[in-house]
Protein backbone atom coordinates (compact mmCIF):
# COMPACT_ATOMS: atom_id res chain seq x y z
CA UNK A 1 195.69 95.70 211.06
CA UNK A 2 195.78 93.19 213.99
CA UNK A 3 196.20 93.66 217.61
CA UNK A 4 196.97 91.65 220.40
CA UNK A 5 198.06 92.16 224.53
CA UNK A 6 200.50 90.28 226.08
CA UNK A 7 199.62 90.02 230.07
CA UNK A 8 202.83 89.81 232.66
CA UNK A 9 202.50 89.48 235.71
CA UNK A 10 202.55 92.97 237.96
CA UNK A 11 204.86 92.08 241.01
CA UNK A 12 207.50 89.89 239.55
CA UNK A 13 209.28 90.51 235.92
CA UNK A 14 211.67 87.20 235.55
CA UNK A 15 214.51 87.46 233.49
CA UNK A 16 213.30 84.58 231.18
CA UNK A 17 209.48 86.21 230.50
CA UNK A 18 211.18 90.18 230.06
CA UNK A 19 213.07 87.29 226.82
CA UNK A 20 209.54 85.88 226.70
CA UNK A 21 208.70 89.89 226.45
CA UNK A 22 210.95 91.33 224.09
CA UNK A 23 211.75 87.91 221.74
CA UNK A 24 207.04 88.06 220.72
CA UNK A 25 207.30 91.54 220.66
CA UNK A 26 210.32 91.26 217.94
CA UNK A 27 208.98 88.21 216.43
CA UNK A 28 204.90 90.23 215.94
CA UNK A 29 206.74 93.54 214.99
CA UNK A 30 208.31 91.31 211.75
CA UNK A 31 204.57 90.71 211.00
CA UNK A 32 202.93 93.92 211.22
CA UNK A 33 200.68 92.85 214.47
CA UNK A 34 200.44 94.88 217.03
CA UNK A 35 200.97 94.09 220.79
CA UNK A 36 200.29 95.76 223.91
CA UNK A 37 201.58 94.86 227.10
CA UNK A 38 200.44 94.63 230.50
CA UNK A 39 200.20 93.62 233.87
CA UNK A 40 198.10 91.79 235.42
CA UNK A 41 197.59 94.60 237.99
CA UNK A 42 196.68 96.91 235.59
CA UNK A 43 194.15 95.11 233.55
CA UNK A 44 190.81 96.12 235.72
CA UNK A 45 188.13 92.59 235.49
CA UNK A 46 185.37 93.00 238.25
CA UNK A 47 181.70 91.56 238.32
CA UNK A 48 179.64 94.09 238.83
CA UNK A 49 175.66 93.63 239.04
CA UNK A 50 176.14 89.93 238.15
CA UNK A 51 177.82 90.08 235.52
CA UNK A 52 181.87 89.87 234.18
CA UNK A 53 182.76 93.75 232.82
CA UNK A 54 186.61 94.86 232.08
CA UNK A 55 188.14 98.08 231.03
CA UNK A 56 190.21 96.42 228.46
CA UNK A 57 189.48 97.23 224.44
CA UNK A 58 189.02 94.24 222.62
CA UNK A 59 191.83 92.76 221.21
CA UNK A 60 192.24 89.44 217.85
CA UNK A 61 194.40 87.36 221.00
CA UNK A 62 195.97 87.33 224.43
CA UNK A 63 199.04 85.82 225.86
CA UNK A 64 198.88 84.61 229.37
CA UNK A 65 202.73 84.60 230.21
CA UNK A 66 200.76 84.70 234.55
CA UNK A 67 199.45 82.28 236.49
CA UNK A 68 196.74 84.46 237.91
CA UNK A 69 193.50 82.39 236.53
CA UNK A 70 191.16 84.60 237.78
CA UNK A 71 191.64 87.19 235.56
CA UNK A 72 192.38 84.49 233.11
CA UNK A 73 188.27 83.08 233.07
CA UNK A 74 186.79 86.07 233.63
CA UNK A 75 188.74 87.46 230.21
CA UNK A 76 187.59 83.90 228.68
CA UNK A 77 183.96 84.83 229.65
CA UNK A 78 184.16 87.54 228.15
CA UNK A 79 185.50 86.65 224.72
CA UNK A 80 188.99 87.00 224.37
CA UNK A 81 190.49 84.14 223.17
CA UNK A 82 194.05 83.70 225.47
CA UNK A 83 196.91 81.16 224.78
CA UNK A 84 197.08 79.36 227.04
CA UNK A 85 193.22 79.37 228.00
CA UNK A 86 193.28 79.63 231.79
CA UNK A 87 192.19 75.96 231.77
CA UNK A 88 195.92 74.57 231.36
CA UNK A 89 197.30 77.33 233.10
CA UNK A 90 195.79 75.95 235.80
CA UNK A 91 196.88 72.36 235.19
CA UNK A 92 200.16 73.07 235.05
CA UNK A 93 200.26 75.43 237.48
CA UNK A 94 200.12 73.44 240.03
CA UNK A 95 201.95 70.47 240.08
CA UNK A 96 199.26 67.87 241.64
CA UNK A 97 197.10 68.98 239.39
CA UNK A 98 199.04 68.31 236.37
CA UNK A 99 200.04 64.78 237.89
CA UNK A 100 196.14 63.87 238.06
CA UNK A 101 194.81 64.71 234.74
CA UNK A 102 198.02 62.80 233.18
CA UNK A 103 196.82 59.44 235.22
CA UNK A 104 195.34 56.75 233.42
CA UNK A 105 196.62 57.72 229.83
CA UNK A 106 199.43 55.08 230.06
CA UNK A 107 202.28 58.19 230.81
CA UNK A 108 204.98 57.07 233.06
CA UNK A 109 205.42 59.28 236.48
CA UNK A 110 207.18 59.33 239.28
CA UNK A 111 205.22 57.59 242.58
CA UNK A 112 203.68 60.35 243.85
CA UNK A 113 201.79 61.11 246.69
CA UNK A 114 199.77 64.44 247.56
CA UNK A 115 200.00 65.93 251.63
CA UNK A 116 196.63 65.96 252.82
CA UNK A 117 195.63 70.44 253.53
CA UNK A 118 196.09 71.01 257.58
CA UNK A 119 194.32 74.03 259.00
CA UNK A 120 196.25 74.46 262.49
CA UNK A 121 200.39 73.71 264.02
CA UNK A 122 199.70 70.70 265.35
CA UNK A 123 198.86 68.93 262.76
CA UNK A 124 198.69 64.44 262.29
CA UNK A 125 201.42 64.11 260.60
CA UNK A 126 200.74 59.85 260.16
CA UNK A 127 201.06 60.28 256.41
CA UNK A 128 204.86 60.19 256.57
CA UNK A 129 203.86 56.82 257.52
CA UNK A 130 202.63 55.99 254.21
CA UNK A 131 205.46 58.05 252.75
CA UNK A 132 207.93 55.71 254.07
CA UNK A 133 205.74 52.79 253.27
CA UNK A 134 205.33 53.83 249.44
CA UNK A 135 208.38 55.80 248.48
CA UNK A 136 212.23 54.52 249.32
CA UNK A 137 215.26 57.47 250.32
CA UNK A 138 215.50 59.10 249.08
CA UNK A 139 212.58 60.92 247.77
CA UNK A 140 211.76 64.28 246.63
CA UNK A 141 209.63 66.69 247.92
CA UNK A 142 207.99 69.51 245.73
CA UNK A 143 205.42 72.38 246.45
CA UNK A 144 202.93 72.43 244.54
CA UNK A 145 203.38 75.65 243.44
CA UNK A 146 207.26 76.54 241.91
CA UNK A 147 209.25 76.75 238.75
CA UNK A 148 212.95 77.40 238.25
CA UNK A 149 213.64 73.91 240.04
CA UNK A 150 213.25 76.95 243.46
CA UNK A 151 210.09 74.29 245.90
CA UNK A 152 211.97 71.15 245.06
CA UNK A 153 213.69 69.35 247.87
CA UNK A 154 215.97 66.32 248.22
CA UNK A 155 214.94 63.81 251.20
CA UNK A 156 217.81 61.35 252.43
CA UNK A 157 216.04 60.63 255.76
CA UNK A 158 212.87 60.28 258.58
CA UNK A 159 214.64 63.26 259.95
CA UNK A 160 214.93 65.25 257.10
CA UNK A 161 211.50 64.34 256.24
CA UNK A 162 209.87 65.51 259.53
CA UNK A 163 211.85 68.48 259.47
CA UNK A 164 210.32 69.34 255.42
CA UNK A 165 206.95 67.90 256.68
CA UNK A 166 206.71 70.55 259.12
CA UNK A 167 208.23 72.82 257.36
CA UNK A 168 205.52 72.85 254.95
CA UNK A 169 203.04 71.52 257.12
CA UNK A 170 200.24 74.88 255.51
CA UNK A 171 201.92 74.58 252.19
CA UNK A 172 200.30 72.53 249.47
CA UNK A 173 202.83 69.82 248.69
CA UNK A 174 203.70 66.32 247.04
CA UNK A 175 206.18 63.10 247.97
CA UNK A 176 207.77 62.01 244.95
CA UNK A 177 210.27 58.82 243.83
CA UNK A 178 213.60 60.03 242.95
CA UNK A 179 214.27 58.58 239.97
CA UNK A 180 218.07 58.38 240.26
CA UNK A 181 218.57 57.18 236.67
CA UNK A 182 218.08 60.58 235.74
CA UNK A 183 220.01 62.19 238.72
CA UNK A 184 221.12 65.67 237.33
CA UNK A 185 219.85 65.19 233.95
CA UNK A 186 216.01 65.98 232.42
CA UNK A 187 214.92 66.47 228.53
CA UNK A 188 213.14 69.83 227.87
CA UNK A 189 210.83 69.51 224.61
CA UNK A 190 208.82 72.58 223.36
CA UNK A 191 205.78 71.74 222.17
CA UNK A 192 203.75 74.01 219.70
CA UNK A 193 200.17 73.01 219.05
CA UNK A 194 200.28 69.46 218.43
CA UNK A 195 204.42 69.25 217.49
CA UNK A 196 207.21 68.76 219.07
CA UNK A 197 209.85 71.88 218.03
CA UNK A 198 212.73 72.26 220.38
CA UNK A 199 214.29 69.68 221.80
CA UNK A 200 217.45 69.50 224.60
CA UNK A 201 219.25 68.04 227.37
CA UNK A 202 219.80 69.59 230.59
CA UNK A 203 222.62 68.48 232.95
CA UNK A 204 224.03 69.79 235.89
CA UNK A 205 227.31 67.79 237.63
CA UNK A 206 226.36 69.22 240.93
CA UNK A 207 223.15 68.63 241.53
CA UNK A 208 219.70 66.59 241.42
CA UNK A 209 218.06 69.24 239.96
CA UNK A 210 218.94 69.97 236.21
CA UNK A 211 217.11 73.82 235.59
CA UNK A 212 219.07 76.25 233.67
CA UNK A 213 218.13 78.63 236.77
CA UNK A 214 219.87 75.87 239.02
CA UNK A 215 223.12 75.73 237.53
CA UNK A 216 222.32 72.67 234.50
CA UNK A 217 224.11 73.21 231.40
CA UNK A 218 222.37 72.54 227.79
CA UNK A 219 223.45 70.42 224.61
CA UNK A 220 221.41 69.18 221.65
CA UNK A 221 220.42 65.74 221.83
CA UNK A 222 218.89 63.48 219.86
CA UNK A 223 215.95 61.51 221.76
CA UNK A 224 213.69 58.09 220.94
CA UNK A 225 210.46 59.00 219.31
CA UNK A 226 208.59 57.53 222.39
CA UNK A 227 209.90 60.90 223.96
CA UNK A 228 208.28 63.04 221.07
CA UNK A 229 205.30 60.97 221.38
CA UNK A 230 204.60 61.31 225.01
CA UNK A 231 204.64 64.79 225.58
CA UNK A 232 202.81 65.64 222.40
CA UNK A 233 200.27 63.49 224.04
CA UNK A 234 200.65 65.02 227.59
CA UNK A 235 200.54 68.30 226.01
CA UNK A 236 197.30 67.42 223.97
CA UNK A 237 195.80 66.21 227.64
CA UNK A 238 196.23 69.44 228.77
CA UNK A 239 195.10 71.41 226.10
CA UNK A 240 197.78 73.22 225.73
CA UNK A 241 198.69 75.29 222.52
CA UNK A 242 202.15 76.15 224.21
CA UNK A 243 203.91 74.19 227.28
CA UNK A 244 207.63 72.56 227.52
CA UNK A 245 207.58 68.95 228.70
CA UNK A 246 210.11 68.10 231.41
CA UNK A 247 210.64 63.74 230.67
CA UNK A 248 213.66 62.37 232.89
CA UNK A 249 215.23 58.85 231.55
CA UNK A 250 213.54 55.75 233.34
CA UNK A 251 216.33 52.99 234.25
CA UNK A 252 215.87 51.01 231.03
CA UNK A 253 215.90 54.35 229.01
CA UNK A 254 211.63 55.58 229.35
CA UNK A 255 210.77 59.01 229.73
CA UNK A 256 209.46 59.50 232.44
CA UNK A 257 207.02 62.91 232.59
CA UNK A 258 208.58 64.93 235.96
CA UNK A 259 206.60 68.12 234.78
CA UNK A 260 204.68 70.58 231.93
CA UNK A 261 205.73 74.00 232.08
CA UNK A 262 202.57 76.43 229.75
CA UNK A 263 205.00 79.11 229.94
CA UNK A 264 207.78 77.71 229.78
CA UNK A 265 210.96 79.98 228.83
CA UNK A 266 212.80 79.58 225.28
CA UNK A 267 216.30 81.74 225.90
CA UNK A 268 217.71 78.68 226.61
CA UNK A 269 216.49 76.12 224.29
CA UNK A 270 216.48 79.07 221.75
CA UNK A 271 220.20 79.73 222.36
CA UNK A 272 221.20 76.31 222.88
CA UNK A 273 219.47 74.33 219.17
CA UNK A 274 219.17 77.40 217.31
CA UNK A 275 215.18 76.97 216.89
CA UNK A 276 212.84 80.37 216.61
CA UNK A 277 210.66 79.01 219.37
CA UNK A 278 208.78 82.59 219.93
CA UNK A 279 208.39 82.87 215.73
CA UNK A 280 206.81 79.52 215.92
CA UNK A 281 204.44 80.20 219.06
CA UNK A 282 203.94 83.56 216.53
CA UNK A 283 202.95 81.46 213.35
CA UNK A 284 200.55 79.41 215.76
CA UNK A 285 198.97 82.46 216.76
CA UNK A 286 197.83 83.36 213.61
CA UNK A 287 197.39 80.65 211.93
CA UNK A 288 194.79 79.63 215.24
CA UNK A 289 192.45 83.39 214.99
CA UNK A 290 192.78 83.67 210.99
C-alpha cells in the first residue's frame, strides 16, 4: 500500500491549512493511499557524527505544508521525495528571492527594490532617496516573509515611507511599484505539474488588497491565454509541483506577476470554480511517484 506523510507547522495551523489537510486526506482515501500527518516539531531530523539522521519511517512521498527549509533540505538528503521541494519552497517564501529567480526571463513584474540589511538601530536611511527617485507615490512596501495579504503596506508620501522604514529597519523587505490599474484586483491561478487547472478573479472594492483573507471576493472569470502562459512559465522556473500564481493587470491588460505561493490554499478556489484542486494534486503526486 502506498503511504505518504503530510508535514505542517507545529506552532500555528491556519484555517486554510486545516482545510488542505482535510481535502488531501479525503482524496487520498478515495485512492486507498494511507496518510500520516506530523507537525514539523515532531519530525526529529538532526546531524550526528557528520551524518543526517531521522526517526521517521520510510514514506513514498512527503507533502510539505510548512516553510521550514532546514528540515525540508535534510529530508531530501535522506532520500524523501517532497512536494514541493525545499528549494522551491525557499524561492517562494522569500518575496525578493521570488523576483530574483523570475528576473531575466521576459516576465512582467512591478519595479522592485530590495531593502538593505541593517544591524544597528541608527542605520542609514539613504536608500529611501533611491526609492523615491525610482518609484512614485503611492508605493508598496512588503516584508519578505508574509502571507494572506499581511505584512503589505501602502505608502502614500515621504513621511509614511520614513515611518515604515523605521519600523521595518531590521526586517527584510522590498519596495515596489504600485500597479494602480489593478488596485484591489488580482487573479489567482493554480498550477499543478506545469498546467493551470483552476483560476479565479479576486476583488476588494474597499482596499488595495484583494486577498480573500482581507475581505476580497472571488468570482469565475475569463482570462487571455497570456495569463496562463506566464503562470506556467513562473512555476517551471521556480521548479514547483504545485503553486498559486497571483497576477495583476497592467494598464494595457498585460499580466504582471505579484507573488507565487508554494502552498496556496484552495478552499476559496474550489468553492468558486467547482474544480477539484485537491484531487488534481493527489493524482499528480501519485503519477510522479509511480
